[in-house]
Amino acid sequence: MKFVRYFAVLLAVVSLTGCIFGKHKSRQPAPPSVVNVSPSAPITPATTNTFRVTPDESVTGRVTSVNDNLRFVVLTFPIGQNPPLGSRMNVFRNGAIVGEIKVTGPERDDNTVADIVLGDARKGDEVRPK
């Protein structure tokens, strides 16, 4: 019985000392390295290519009505972006040019009228300047 008691005490002492000495100090991160730049050296950008994004300011509209007998179309544009009278525009269907129109007027609100010069046009086609 004495042996069991000594063994229990020895086990407790070993386990407690292991916990005390087992604590590790946390390491500090290394300071950032300093780049030595001489003041006389010119500073150039890493890349010479620049990327610029410019908004598309072209006027695009849609064909809302077609009169095949008299060869004219009614176009709808965003408000305040109607093209000037006399301007020529291409008609696009599924990304391909299918015709050419000339804006003749009259215009009312966001609608204007144009004559079909070449090709054809259908309702829903897109209209963009040449």
Protein backbone atom coordinates (compact mmCIF):
# COMPACT_ATOMS: atom_id res chain seq x y z
CA MET A 1 0.00 0.00 0.00
CA LYS A 2 2.90 2.33 0.70
CA PHE A 3 4.20 1.66 -2.76
CA VAL A 4 0.94 2.81 -4.35
CA ARG A 5 0.93 5.99 -2.27
CA TYR A 6 4.53 6.86 -3.28
CA PHE A 7 3.77 6.10 -6.88
CA ALA A 8 0.72 8.41 -6.84
CA VAL A 9 2.70 11.25 -5.25
CA LEU A 10 5.56 10.78 -7.73
CA LEU A 11 3.09 10.79 -10.64
CA ALA A 12 1.45 14.01 -9.38
CA VAL A 13 4.82 15.77 -8.96
CA VAL A 14 6.00 14.78 -12.45
CA SER A 15 2.77 15.84 -14.11
CA LEU A 16 2.69 19.22 -12.31
CA THR A 17 6.30 20.04 -13.15
CA GLY A 18 5.65 19.13 -16.78
CA CYS A 19 2.89 21.69 -16.96
CA ILE A 20 5.03 24.40 -15.33
CA PHE A 21 8.05 23.91 -17.58
CA GLY A 22 6.04 23.22 -20.72
CA LYS A 23 5.00 26.85 -21.36
CA HIS A 24 6.58 28.26 -24.50
CA LYS A 25 7.30 31.89 -25.12
CA SER A 26 5.56 33.34 -28.17
CA ARG A 27 7.91 34.50 -30.88
CA GLN A 28 7.82 38.08 -32.12
CA PRO A 29 7.56 38.52 -35.92
CA ALA A 30 10.71 39.75 -37.61
CA PRO A 31 10.73 43.48 -38.42
CA PRO A 32 10.20 44.32 -42.11
CA SER A 33 13.33 44.70 -44.15
CA VAL A 34 14.26 48.20 -45.24
CA VAL A 35 14.96 48.88 -48.90
CA ASN A 36 17.90 51.18 -49.46
CA VAL A 37 16.99 53.72 -52.15
CA SER A 38 19.43 56.42 -53.07
CA PRO A 39 17.87 59.87 -53.56
CA SER A 40 19.68 60.40 -56.87
CA ALA A 41 18.19 57.32 -58.56
CA PRO A 42 15.07 58.09 -60.62
CA ILE A 43 11.93 56.32 -59.52
CA THR A 44 10.23 54.60 -62.44
CA PRO A 45 6.95 52.71 -62.36
CA ALA A 46 7.19 48.93 -62.32
CA THR A 47 5.19 48.64 -65.53
CA THR A 48 5.02 51.04 -68.42
CA ASN A 49 1.71 49.67 -69.74
CA THR A 50 -1.32 51.48 -68.43
CA PHE A 51 -4.92 50.29 -68.56
CA ARG A 52 -7.61 52.90 -69.03
CA VAL A 53 -11.34 52.45 -69.01
CA THR A 54 -13.38 55.01 -70.91
CA PRO A 55 -17.15 55.05 -71.00
CA ASP A 56 -18.91 54.31 -74.26
CA GLU A 57 -20.60 57.57 -75.18
CA SER A 58 -22.08 56.41 -78.49
CA VAL A 59 -25.83 56.60 -78.90
CA THR A 60 -27.59 53.24 -79.24
CA GLY A 61 -31.27 52.72 -79.85
CA ARG A 62 -33.84 50.12 -80.82
CA VAL A 63 -36.20 49.78 -83.75
CA THR A 64 -39.74 49.89 -82.32
CA SER A 65 -41.77 49.99 -85.54
CA VAL A 66 -41.13 49.32 -89.25
CA ASN A 67 -43.08 50.39 -92.34
CA ASP A 68 -41.76 48.24 -95.20
CA ASN A 69 -43.93 49.92 -97.91
CA LEU A 70 -42.67 53.46 -97.25
CA ARG A 71 -39.22 52.22 -96.01
CA PHE A 72 -39.03 54.05 -92.70
CA VAL A 73 -38.60 53.02 -89.06
CA VAL A 74 -39.46 54.46 -85.67
CA LEU A 75 -36.50 54.36 -83.27
CA THR A 76 -36.40 54.61 -79.48
CA PHE A 77 -33.34 56.05 -77.72
CA PRO A 78 -32.57 56.78 -74.07
CA ILE A 79 -34.14 60.06 -72.94
CA GLY A 80 -32.06 63.04 -74.04
CA GLN A 81 -29.82 61.02 -76.36
CA ASN A 82 -31.63 61.27 -79.68
CA PRO A 83 -29.19 61.50 -82.60
CA PRO A 84 -29.05 64.69 -84.66
CA LEU A 85 -31.16 64.93 -87.81
CA GLY A 86 -29.34 63.78 -90.94
CA SER A 87 -27.02 61.36 -89.17
CA ARG A 88 -26.50 57.92 -90.69
CA MET A 89 -26.61 54.83 -88.51
CA ASN A 90 -26.14 51.09 -88.93
CA VAL A 91 -28.83 48.54 -88.09
CA PHE A 92 -27.57 45.46 -86.21
CA ARG A 93 -29.28 42.10 -85.80
CA ASN A 94 -27.52 39.49 -83.66
CA GLY A 95 -24.29 41.49 -83.88
CA ALA A 96 -24.22 41.68 -87.70
CA ILE A 97 -24.95 44.78 -89.82
CA VAL A 98 -28.17 44.24 -91.78
CA GLY A 99 -28.93 47.75 -92.94
CA GLU A 100 -28.30 51.48 -92.90
CA ILE A 101 -30.69 54.28 -91.94
CA LYS A 102 -30.72 58.07 -92.09
CA VAL A 103 -32.39 59.99 -89.25
CA THR A 104 -34.94 62.36 -90.78
CA GLY A 105 -37.34 63.20 -87.97
CA PRO A 106 -39.74 64.19 -86.58
CA GLU A 107 -38.81 63.31 -83.04
CA ARG A 108 -41.00 63.22 -79.97
CA ASP A 109 -39.73 62.45 -76.44
CA ASP A 110 -37.43 59.44 -76.84
CA ASN A 111 -38.72 58.41 -80.30
CA THR A 112 -37.52 59.54 -83.71
CA VAL A 113 -38.13 58.53 -87.34
CA ALA A 114 -35.49 57.40 -89.86
CA ASP A 115 -35.52 56.36 -93.51
CA ILE A 116 -34.11 52.96 -94.53
CA VAL A 117 -31.25 53.64 -96.98
CA LEU A 118 -29.79 50.13 -97.43
CA GLY A 119 -30.79 46.65 -96.33
CA ASP A 120 -33.70 46.09 -94.03
CA ALA A 121 -34.77 46.49 -90.43
CA ARG A 122 -37.04 44.57 -88.08
CA LYS A 123 -38.67 45.39 -84.77
CA GLY A 124 -36.12 44.89 -81.96
CA ASP A 125 -32.98 45.52 -84.05
CA GLU A 126 -30.23 47.63 -82.49
CA VAL A 127 -29.19 50.94 -84.06
CA ARG A 128 -25.70 52.46 -83.60
CA PRO A 129 -23.80 55.28 -85.31
CA LYS A 130 -21.43 54.48 -88.14
